mmCIF file of all heavy atoms, coordinates in Angstrom:
data_MODEL
# 
_entry.id   MODEL 
# 
loop_
_atom_site.group_PDB 
_atom_site.id 
_atom_site.type_symbol 
_atom_site.label_atom_id 
_atom_site.label_alt_id 
_atom_site.label_comp_id 
_atom_site.label_asym_id 
_atom_site.label_entity_id 
_atom_site.label_seq_id 
_atom_site.pdbx_PDB_ins_code 
_atom_site.Cartn_x 
_atom_site.Cartn_y 
_atom_site.Cartn_z 
_atom_site.occupancy 
_atom_site.B_iso_or_equiv 
_atom_site.pdbx_formal_charge 
_atom_site.auth_seq_id 
_atom_site.auth_comp_id 
_atom_site.auth_asym_id 
_atom_site.auth_atom_id 
_atom_site.pdbx_PDB_model_num 
ATOM 1   N N   . GLY A 1 1  ? -13.403 11.665 -2.159 1.00 0.00 ? 1  GLY A N   1 
ATOM 2   C CA  . GLY A 1 1  ? -12.472 12.771 -1.941 1.00 0.00 ? 1  GLY A CA  1 
ATOM 3   C C   . GLY A 1 1  ? -12.876 13.610 -0.742 1.00 0.00 ? 1  GLY A C   1 
ATOM 4   O O   . GLY A 1 1  ? -12.042 14.008 0.073  1.00 0.00 ? 1  GLY A O   1 
ATOM 5   N N   . PHE A 1 2  ? -14.159 13.867 -0.628 1.00 0.00 ? 2  PHE A N   1 
ATOM 6   C CA  . PHE A 1 2  ? -14.648 14.662 0.484  1.00 0.00 ? 2  PHE A CA  1 
ATOM 7   C C   . PHE A 1 2  ? -14.453 13.927 1.803  1.00 0.00 ? 2  PHE A C   1 
ATOM 8   O O   . PHE A 1 2  ? -14.074 14.536 2.807  1.00 0.00 ? 2  PHE A O   1 
ATOM 9   C CB  . PHE A 1 2  ? -16.122 15.015 0.272  1.00 0.00 ? 2  PHE A CB  1 
ATOM 10  C CG  . PHE A 1 2  ? -16.648 16.021 1.243  1.00 0.00 ? 2  PHE A CG  1 
ATOM 11  C CD1 . PHE A 1 2  ? -16.297 17.354 1.131  1.00 0.00 ? 2  PHE A CD1 1 
ATOM 12  C CD2 . PHE A 1 2  ? -17.499 15.639 2.264  1.00 0.00 ? 2  PHE A CD2 1 
ATOM 13  C CE1 . PHE A 1 2  ? -16.770 18.285 2.030  1.00 0.00 ? 2  PHE A CE1 1 
ATOM 14  C CE2 . PHE A 1 2  ? -17.989 16.568 3.162  1.00 0.00 ? 2  PHE A CE2 1 
ATOM 15  C CZ  . PHE A 1 2  ? -17.624 17.894 3.049  1.00 0.00 ? 2  PHE A CZ  1 
ATOM 16  N N   . SER A 1 3  ? -14.680 12.616 1.807  1.00 0.00 ? 3  SER A N   1 
ATOM 17  C CA  . SER A 1 3  ? -14.505 11.859 3.050  1.00 0.00 ? 3  SER A CA  1 
ATOM 18  C C   . SER A 1 3  ? -13.040 11.839 3.475  1.00 0.00 ? 3  SER A C   1 
ATOM 19  O O   . SER A 1 3  ? -12.741 11.891 4.669  1.00 0.00 ? 3  SER A O   1 
ATOM 20  C CB  . SER A 1 3  ? -15.040 10.437 2.911  1.00 0.00 ? 3  SER A CB  1 
ATOM 21  O OG  . SER A 1 3  ? -14.241 9.677  2.043  1.00 0.00 ? 3  SER A OG  1 
ATOM 22  N N   . VAL A 1 4  ? -12.126 11.794 2.500  1.00 0.00 ? 4  VAL A N   1 
ATOM 23  C CA  . VAL A 1 4  ? -10.702 11.837 2.829  1.00 0.00 ? 4  VAL A CA  1 
ATOM 24  C C   . VAL A 1 4  ? -10.358 13.180 3.472  1.00 0.00 ? 4  VAL A C   1 
ATOM 25  O O   . VAL A 1 4  ? -9.638  13.243 4.472  1.00 0.00 ? 4  VAL A O   1 
ATOM 26  C CB  . VAL A 1 4  ? -9.830  11.587 1.576  1.00 0.00 ? 4  VAL A CB  1 
ATOM 27  C CG1 . VAL A 1 4  ? -8.372  11.902 1.846  1.00 0.00 ? 4  VAL A CG1 1 
ATOM 28  C CG2 . VAL A 1 4  ? -9.980  10.153 1.105  1.00 0.00 ? 4  VAL A CG2 1 
ATOM 29  N N   . ILE A 1 5  ? -10.907 14.246 2.918  1.00 0.00 ? 5  ILE A N   1 
ATOM 30  C CA  . ILE A 1 5  ? -10.645 15.577 3.472  1.00 0.00 ? 5  ILE A CA  1 
ATOM 31  C C   . ILE A 1 5  ? -11.192 15.674 4.897  1.00 0.00 ? 5  ILE A C   1 
ATOM 32  O O   . ILE A 1 5  ? -10.503 16.161 5.806  1.00 0.00 ? 5  ILE A O   1 
ATOM 33  C CB  . ILE A 1 5  ? -11.254 16.671 2.568  1.00 0.00 ? 5  ILE A CB  1 
ATOM 34  C CG1 . ILE A 1 5  ? -10.505 16.727 1.243  1.00 0.00 ? 5  ILE A CG1 1 
ATOM 35  C CG2 . ILE A 1 5  ? -11.245 18.026 3.265  1.00 0.00 ? 5  ILE A CG2 1 
ATOM 36  C CD1 . ILE A 1 5  ? -11.166 17.577 0.186  1.00 0.00 ? 5  ILE A CD1 1 
ATOM 37  N N   . LEU A 1 6  ? -12.415 15.202 5.109  1.00 0.00 ? 6  LEU A N   1 
ATOM 38  C CA  . LEU A 1 6  ? -12.998 15.251 6.456  1.00 0.00 ? 6  LEU A CA  1 
ATOM 39  C C   . LEU A 1 6  ? -12.190 14.418 7.452  1.00 0.00 ? 6  LEU A C   1 
ATOM 40  O O   . LEU A 1 6  ? -11.955 14.844 8.586  1.00 0.00 ? 6  LEU A O   1 
ATOM 41  C CB  . LEU A 1 6  ? -14.442 14.779 6.435  1.00 0.00 ? 6  LEU A CB  1 
ATOM 42  C CG  . LEU A 1 6  ? -15.468 15.742 5.863  1.00 0.00 ? 6  LEU A CG  1 
ATOM 43  C CD1 . LEU A 1 6  ? -16.863 15.135 5.943  1.00 0.00 ? 6  LEU A CD1 1 
ATOM 44  C CD2 . LEU A 1 6  ? -15.434 17.066 6.589  1.00 0.00 ? 6  LEU A CD2 1 
ATOM 45  N N   . LYS A 1 7  ? -11.766 13.237 7.029  1.00 0.00 ? 7  LYS A N   1 
ATOM 46  C CA  . LYS A 1 7  ? -10.971 12.390 7.920  1.00 0.00 ? 7  LYS A CA  1 
ATOM 47  C C   . LYS A 1 7  ? -9.631  13.044 8.236  1.00 0.00 ? 7  LYS A C   1 
ATOM 48  O O   . LYS A 1 7  ? -9.161  12.988 9.376  1.00 0.00 ? 7  LYS A O   1 
ATOM 49  C CB  . LYS A 1 7  ? -10.750 11.016 7.290  1.00 0.00 ? 7  LYS A CB  1 
ATOM 50  C CG  . LYS A 1 7  ? -11.995 10.155 7.279  1.00 0.00 ? 7  LYS A CG  1 
ATOM 51  C CD  . LYS A 1 7  ? -11.737 8.845  6.560  1.00 0.00 ? 7  LYS A CD  1 
ATOM 52  C CE  . LYS A 1 7  ? -13.013 8.040  6.405  1.00 0.00 ? 7  LYS A CE  1 
ATOM 53  N NZ  . LYS A 1 7  ? -12.796 6.806  5.626  1.00 0.00 ? 7  LYS A NZ  1 
ATOM 54  N N   . ALA A 1 8  ? -9.017  13.671 7.235  1.00 0.00 ? 8  ALA A N   1 
ATOM 55  C CA  . ALA A 1 8  ? -7.734  14.342 7.462  1.00 0.00 ? 8  ALA A CA  1 
ATOM 56  C C   . ALA A 1 8  ? -7.890  15.496 8.439  1.00 0.00 ? 8  ALA A C   1 
ATOM 57  O O   . ALA A 1 8  ? -7.058  15.692 9.338  1.00 0.00 ? 8  ALA A O   1 
ATOM 58  C CB  . ALA A 1 8  ? -7.157  14.832 6.133  1.00 0.00 ? 8  ALA A CB  1 
ATOM 59  N N   . VAL A 1 9  ? -8.962  16.253 8.298  1.00 0.00 ? 9  VAL A N   1 
ATOM 60  C CA  . VAL A 1 9  ? -9.212  17.362 9.224  1.00 0.00 ? 9  VAL A CA  1 
ATOM 61  C C   . VAL A 1 9  ? -9.451  16.818 10.632 1.00 0.00 ? 9  VAL A C   1 
ATOM 62  O O   . VAL A 1 9  ? -8.919  17.352 11.613 1.00 0.00 ? 9  VAL A O   1 
ATOM 63  C CB  . VAL A 1 9  ? -10.408 18.221 8.739  1.00 0.00 ? 9  VAL A CB  1 
ATOM 64  C CG1 . VAL A 1 9  ? -10.859 19.197 9.807  1.00 0.00 ? 9  VAL A CG1 1 
ATOM 65  C CG2 . VAL A 1 9  ? -10.036 18.964 7.470  1.00 0.00 ? 9  VAL A CG2 1 
ATOM 66  N N   . ALA A 1 10 ? -10.226 15.755 10.743 1.00 0.00 ? 10 ALA A N   1 
ATOM 67  C CA  . ALA A 1 10 ? -10.500 15.160 12.061 1.00 0.00 ? 10 ALA A CA  1 
ATOM 68  C C   . ALA A 1 10 ? -9.212  14.649 12.700 1.00 0.00 ? 10 ALA A C   1 
ATOM 69  O O   . ALA A 1 10 ? -8.969  14.873 13.900 1.00 0.00 ? 10 ALA A O   1 
ATOM 70  C CB  . ALA A 1 10 ? -11.518 14.030 11.930 1.00 0.00 ? 10 ALA A CB  1 
ATOM 71  N N   . ILE A 1 11 ? -8.374  13.990 11.914 1.00 0.00 ? 11 ILE A N   1 
ATOM 72  C CA  . ILE A 1 11 ? -7.098  13.482 12.437 1.00 0.00 ? 11 ILE A CA  1 
ATOM 73  C C   . ILE A 1 11 ? -6.223  14.638 12.899 1.00 0.00 ? 11 ILE A C   1 
ATOM 74  O O   . ILE A 1 11 ? -5.607  14.579 13.967 1.00 0.00 ? 11 ILE A O   1 
ATOM 75  C CB  . ILE A 1 11 ? -6.376  12.626 11.380 1.00 0.00 ? 11 ILE A CB  1 
ATOM 76  C CG1 . ILE A 1 11 ? -7.113  11.305 11.169 1.00 0.00 ? 11 ILE A CG1 1 
ATOM 77  C CG2 . ILE A 1 11 ? -4.927  12.365 11.789 1.00 0.00 ? 11 ILE A CG2 1 
ATOM 78  C CD1 . ILE A 1 11 ? -6.624  10.517 9.967  1.00 0.00 ? 11 ILE A CD1 1 
ATOM 79  N N   . SER A 1 12 ? -6.159  15.699 12.107 1.00 0.00 ? 12 SER A N   1 
ATOM 80  C CA  . SER A 1 12 ? -5.303  16.823 12.489 1.00 0.00 ? 12 SER A CA  1 
ATOM 81  C C   . SER A 1 12 ? -5.802  17.503 13.763 1.00 0.00 ? 12 SER A C   1 
ATOM 82  O O   . SER A 1 12 ? -5.003  17.850 14.637 1.00 0.00 ? 12 SER A O   1 
ATOM 83  C CB  . SER A 1 12 ? -5.194  17.837 11.350 1.00 0.00 ? 12 SER A CB  1 
ATOM 84  O OG  . SER A 1 12 ? -6.427  18.466 11.114 1.00 0.00 ? 12 SER A OG  1 
ATOM 85  N N   . TYR A 1 13 ? -7.123  17.671 13.906 1.00 0.00 ? 13 TYR A N   1 
ATOM 86  C CA  . TYR A 1 13 ? -7.659  18.264 15.134 1.00 0.00 ? 13 TYR A CA  1 
ATOM 87  C C   . TYR A 1 13 ? -7.407  17.363 16.334 1.00 0.00 ? 13 TYR A C   1 
ATOM 88  O O   . TYR A 1 13 ? -7.052  17.845 17.415 1.00 0.00 ? 13 TYR A O   1 
ATOM 89  C CB  . TYR A 1 13 ? -9.149  18.549 15.003 1.00 0.00 ? 13 TYR A CB  1 
ATOM 90  C CG  . TYR A 1 13 ? -9.463  19.804 14.228 1.00 0.00 ? 13 TYR A CG  1 
ATOM 91  C CD1 . TYR A 1 13 ? -10.558 19.853 13.376 1.00 0.00 ? 13 TYR A CD1 1 
ATOM 92  C CD2 . TYR A 1 13 ? -8.677  20.938 14.327 1.00 0.00 ? 13 TYR A CD2 1 
ATOM 93  C CE1 . TYR A 1 13 ? -10.854 21.000 12.659 1.00 0.00 ? 13 TYR A CE1 1 
ATOM 94  C CE2 . TYR A 1 13 ? -8.966  22.084 13.617 1.00 0.00 ? 13 TYR A CE2 1 
ATOM 95  C CZ  . TYR A 1 13 ? -10.057 22.114 12.791 1.00 0.00 ? 13 TYR A CZ  1 
ATOM 96  O OH  . TYR A 1 13 ? -10.352 23.237 12.090 1.00 0.00 ? 13 TYR A OH  1 
ATOM 97  N N   . LEU A 1 14 ? -7.594  16.072 16.163 1.00 0.00 ? 14 LEU A N   1 
ATOM 98  C CA  . LEU A 1 14 ? -7.374  15.137 17.262 1.00 0.00 ? 14 LEU A CA  1 
ATOM 99  C C   . LEU A 1 14 ? -5.900  15.121 17.679 1.00 0.00 ? 14 LEU A C   1 
ATOM 100 O O   . LEU A 1 14 ? -5.588  15.144 18.876 1.00 0.00 ? 14 LEU A O   1 
ATOM 101 C CB  . LEU A 1 14 ? -7.833  13.733 16.870 1.00 0.00 ? 14 LEU A CB  1 
ATOM 102 C CG  . LEU A 1 14 ? -7.695  12.665 17.936 1.00 0.00 ? 14 LEU A CG  1 
ATOM 103 C CD1 . LEU A 1 14 ? -8.546  13.012 19.155 1.00 0.00 ? 14 LEU A CD1 1 
ATOM 104 C CD2 . LEU A 1 14 ? -8.106  11.312 17.384 1.00 0.00 ? 14 LEU A CD2 1 
ATOM 105 N N   . ALA A 1 15 ? -4.999  15.106 16.693 1.00 0.00 ? 15 ALA A N   1 
ATOM 106 C CA  . ALA A 1 15 ? -3.571  15.109 17.011 1.00 0.00 ? 15 ALA A CA  1 
ATOM 107 C C   . ALA A 1 15 ? -3.171  16.416 17.690 1.00 0.00 ? 15 ALA A C   1 
ATOM 108 O O   . ALA A 1 15 ? -2.379  16.409 18.648 1.00 0.00 ? 15 ALA A O   1 
ATOM 109 C CB  . ALA A 1 15 ? -2.746  14.897 15.732 1.00 0.00 ? 15 ALA A CB  1 
ATOM 110 N N   . GLU A 1 16 ? -3.719  17.527 17.218 1.00 0.00 ? 16 GLU A N   1 
ATOM 111 C CA  . GLU A 1 16 ? -3.402  18.813 17.835 1.00 0.00 ? 16 GLU A CA  1 
ATOM 112 C C   . GLU A 1 16 ? -3.940  18.871 19.267 1.00 0.00 ? 16 GLU A C   1 
ATOM 113 O O   . GLU A 1 16 ? -3.247  19.310 20.184 1.00 0.00 ? 16 GLU A O   1 
ATOM 114 C CB  . GLU A 1 16 ? -3.992  19.959 17.017 1.00 0.00 ? 16 GLU A CB  1 
ATOM 115 C CG  . GLU A 1 16 ? -3.676  21.324 17.575 1.00 0.00 ? 16 GLU A CG  1 
ATOM 116 C CD  . GLU A 1 16 ? -4.281  22.443 16.768 1.00 0.00 ? 16 GLU A CD  1 
ATOM 117 O OE1 . GLU A 1 16 ? -4.907  22.180 15.725 1.00 0.00 ? 16 GLU A OE1 1 
ATOM 118 O OE2 . GLU A 1 16 ? -4.138  23.597 17.197 1.00 0.00 ? 16 GLU A OE2 1 
ATOM 119 N N   . PHE A 1 17 ? -5.171  18.414 19.460 1.00 0.00 ? 17 PHE A N   1 
ATOM 120 C CA  . PHE A 1 17 ? -5.761  18.396 20.803 1.00 0.00 ? 17 PHE A CA  1 
ATOM 121 C C   . PHE A 1 17 ? -4.927  17.525 21.744 1.00 0.00 ? 17 PHE A C   1 
ATOM 122 O O   . PHE A 1 17 ? -4.597  17.932 22.866 1.00 0.00 ? 17 PHE A O   1 
ATOM 123 C CB  . PHE A 1 17 ? -7.198  17.872 20.740 1.00 0.00 ? 17 PHE A CB  1 
ATOM 124 C CG  . PHE A 1 17 ? -7.773  17.521 22.070 1.00 0.00 ? 17 PHE A CG  1 
ATOM 125 C CD1 . PHE A 1 17 ? -8.162  18.517 22.955 1.00 0.00 ? 17 PHE A CD1 1 
ATOM 126 C CD2 . PHE A 1 17 ? -7.924  16.193 22.459 1.00 0.00 ? 17 PHE A CD2 1 
ATOM 127 C CE1 . PHE A 1 17 ? -8.694  18.194 24.195 1.00 0.00 ? 17 PHE A CE1 1 
ATOM 128 C CE2 . PHE A 1 17 ? -8.452  15.869 23.689 1.00 0.00 ? 17 PHE A CE2 1 
ATOM 129 C CZ  . PHE A 1 17 ? -8.829  16.866 24.567 1.00 0.00 ? 17 PHE A CZ  1 
ATOM 130 N N   . SER A 1 18 ? -4.566  16.335 21.289 1.00 0.00 ? 18 SER A N   1 
ATOM 131 C CA  . SER A 1 18 ? -3.775  15.426 22.125 1.00 0.00 ? 18 SER A CA  1 
ATOM 132 C C   . SER A 1 18 ? -2.395  16.005 22.412 1.00 0.00 ? 18 SER A C   1 
ATOM 133 O O   . SER A 1 18 ? -1.903  15.933 23.540 1.00 0.00 ? 18 SER A O   1 
ATOM 134 C CB  . SER A 1 18 ? -3.641  14.065 21.450 1.00 0.00 ? 18 SER A CB  1 
ATOM 135 O OG  . SER A 1 18 ? -4.896  13.504 21.218 1.00 0.00 ? 18 SER A OG  1 
ATOM 136 N N   . GLY A 1 19 ? -1.776  16.576 21.386 1.00 0.00 ? 19 GLY A N   1 
ATOM 137 C CA  . GLY A 1 19 ? -0.461  17.184 21.569 1.00 0.00 ? 19 GLY A CA  1 
ATOM 138 C C   . GLY A 1 19 ? -0.500  18.358 22.535 1.00 0.00 ? 19 GLY A C   1 
ATOM 139 O O   . GLY A 1 19 ? 0.373   18.498 23.397 1.00 0.00 ? 19 GLY A O   1 
ATOM 140 N N   . ASP A 1 20 ? -1.512  19.196 22.398 1.00 0.00 ? 20 ASP A N   1 
ATOM 141 C CA  . ASP A 1 20 ? -1.641  20.335 23.314 1.00 0.00 ? 20 ASP A CA  1 
ATOM 142 C C   . ASP A 1 20 ? -1.877  19.877 24.743 1.00 0.00 ? 20 ASP A C   1 
ATOM 143 O O   . ASP A 1 20 ? -1.338  20.465 25.692 1.00 0.00 ? 20 ASP A O   1 
ATOM 144 C CB  . ASP A 1 20 ? -2.784  21.257 22.869 1.00 0.00 ? 20 ASP A CB  1 
ATOM 145 C CG  . ASP A 1 20 ? -2.438  22.055 21.630 1.00 0.00 ? 20 ASP A CG  1 
ATOM 146 O OD1 . ASP A 1 20 ? -1.244  22.130 21.276 1.00 0.00 ? 20 ASP A OD1 1 
ATOM 147 O OD2 . ASP A 1 20 ? -3.373  22.600 21.004 1.00 0.00 ? 20 ASP A OD2 1 
ATOM 148 N N   . THR A 1 21 ? -2.668  18.820 24.905 1.00 0.00 ? 21 THR A N   1 
ATOM 149 C CA  . THR A 1 21 ? -2.913  18.285 26.248 1.00 0.00 ? 21 THR A CA  1 
ATOM 150 C C   . THR A 1 21 ? -1.612  17.750 26.848 1.00 0.00 ? 21 THR A C   1 
ATOM 151 O O   . THR A 1 21 ? -1.321  18.000 28.023 1.00 0.00 ? 21 THR A O   1 
ATOM 152 C CB  . THR A 1 21 ? -3.976  17.171 26.205 1.00 0.00 ? 21 THR A CB  1 
ATOM 153 O OG1 . THR A 1 21 ? -5.180  17.711 25.650 1.00 0.00 ? 21 THR A OG1 1 
ATOM 154 C CG2 . THR A 1 21 ? -4.264  16.628 27.593 1.00 0.00 ? 21 THR A CG2 1 
ATOM 155 N N   . CYS A 1 22 ? -0.837  17.057 26.040 1.00 0.00 ? 22 CYS A N   1 
ATOM 156 C CA  . CYS A 1 22 ? 0.460   16.554 26.523 1.00 0.00 ? 22 CYS A CA  1 
ATOM 157 C C   . CYS A 1 22 ? 1.379   17.715 26.901 1.00 0.00 ? 22 CYS A C   1 
ATOM 158 O O   . CYS A 1 22 ? 2.042   17.681 27.933 1.00 0.00 ? 22 CYS A O   1 
ATOM 159 C CB  . CYS A 1 22 ? 1.136   15.691 25.457 1.00 0.00 ? 22 CYS A CB  1 
ATOM 160 S SG  . CYS A 1 22 ? 0.314   14.127 25.141 1.00 0.00 ? 22 CYS A SG  1 
ATOM 161 N N   . ARG A 1 23 ? 1.410   18.751 26.054 1.00 0.00 ? 23 ARG A N   1 
ATOM 162 C CA  . ARG A 1 23 ? 2.245   19.921 26.319 1.00 0.00 ? 23 ARG A CA  1 
ATOM 163 C C   . ARG A 1 23 ? 1.822   20.647 27.594 1.00 0.00 ? 23 ARG A C   1 
ATOM 164 O O   . ARG A 1 23 ? 2.669   21.147 28.341 1.00 0.00 ? 23 ARG A O   1 
ATOM 165 C CB  . ARG A 1 23 ? 2.192   20.885 25.140 1.00 0.00 ? 23 ARG A CB  1 
ATOM 166 C CG  . ARG A 1 23 ? 3.490   20.985 24.415 1.00 0.00 ? 23 ARG A CG  1 
ATOM 167 C CD  . ARG A 1 23 ? 3.446   22.008 23.288 1.00 0.00 ? 23 ARG A CD  1 
ATOM 168 N NE  . ARG A 1 23 ? 3.757   21.299 22.058 1.00 0.00 ? 23 ARG A NE  1 
ATOM 169 C CZ  . ARG A 1 23 ? 2.866   20.816 21.207 1.00 0.00 ? 23 ARG A CZ  1 
ATOM 170 N NH1 . ARG A 1 23 ? 1.600   21.002 21.382 1.00 0.00 ? 23 ARG A NH1 1 
ATOM 171 N NH2 . ARG A 1 23 ? 3.251   20.169 20.136 1.00 0.00 ? 23 ARG A NH2 1 
ATOM 172 N N   . ASP A 1 24 ? 0.513   20.709 27.828 1.00 0.00 ? 24 ASP A N   1 
ATOM 173 C CA  . ASP A 1 24 ? 0.007   21.370 29.028 1.00 0.00 ? 24 ASP A CA  1 
ATOM 174 C C   . ASP A 1 24 ? 0.550   20.733 30.302 1.00 0.00 ? 24 ASP A C   1 
ATOM 175 O O   . ASP A 1 24 ? 0.681   21.403 31.327 1.00 0.00 ? 24 ASP A O   1 
ATOM 176 C CB  . ASP A 1 24 ? -1.525  21.324 29.078 1.00 0.00 ? 24 ASP A CB  1 
ATOM 177 C CG  . ASP A 1 24 ? -2.162  22.294 28.113 1.00 0.00 ? 24 ASP A CG  1 
ATOM 178 O OD1 . ASP A 1 24 ? -1.457  23.198 27.610 1.00 0.00 ? 24 ASP A OD1 1 
ATOM 179 O OD2 . ASP A 1 24 ? -3.375  22.145 27.841 1.00 0.00 ? 24 ASP A OD2 1 
ATOM 180 N N   . PHE A 1 25 ? 0.852   19.458 30.229 1.00 0.00 ? 25 PHE A N   1 
ATOM 181 C CA  . PHE A 1 25 ? 1.334   18.759 31.409 1.00 0.00 ? 25 PHE A CA  1 
ATOM 182 C C   . PHE A 1 25 ? 2.811   18.401 31.310 1.00 0.00 ? 25 PHE A C   1 
ATOM 183 O O   . PHE A 1 25 ? 3.285   17.467 31.935 1.00 0.00 ? 25 PHE A O   1 
ATOM 184 C CB  . PHE A 1 25 ? 0.456   17.535 31.682 1.00 0.00 ? 25 PHE A CB  1 
ATOM 185 C CG  . PHE A 1 25 ? -0.926  17.947 32.096 1.00 0.00 ? 25 PHE A CG  1 
ATOM 186 C CD1 . PHE A 1 25 ? -1.948  18.064 31.166 1.00 0.00 ? 25 PHE A CD1 1 
ATOM 187 C CD2 . PHE A 1 25 ? -1.179  18.310 33.404 1.00 0.00 ? 25 PHE A CD2 1 
ATOM 188 C CE1 . PHE A 1 25 ? -3.204  18.505 31.537 1.00 0.00 ? 25 PHE A CE1 1 
ATOM 189 C CE2 . PHE A 1 25 ? -2.433  18.749 33.784 1.00 0.00 ? 25 PHE A CE2 1 
ATOM 190 C CZ  . PHE A 1 25 ? -3.448  18.843 32.852 1.00 0.00 ? 25 PHE A CZ  1 
ATOM 191 N N   . GLY A 1 26 ? 3.538   19.186 30.498 1.00 0.00 ? 26 GLY A N   1 
ATOM 192 C CA  . GLY A 1 26 ? 4.992   19.085 30.460 1.00 0.00 ? 26 GLY A CA  1 
ATOM 193 C C   . GLY A 1 26 ? 5.558   17.944 29.648 1.00 0.00 ? 26 GLY A C   1 
ATOM 194 O O   . GLY A 1 26 ? 6.752   17.682 29.723 1.00 0.00 ? 26 GLY A O   1 
# 
């Protein structure tokens, strides 16, 4: 259960980082 939570948090941070980077460049 803990590993699922950690993986979900990592995925959400990675997706947010990638999305923000894409947004920064239009």
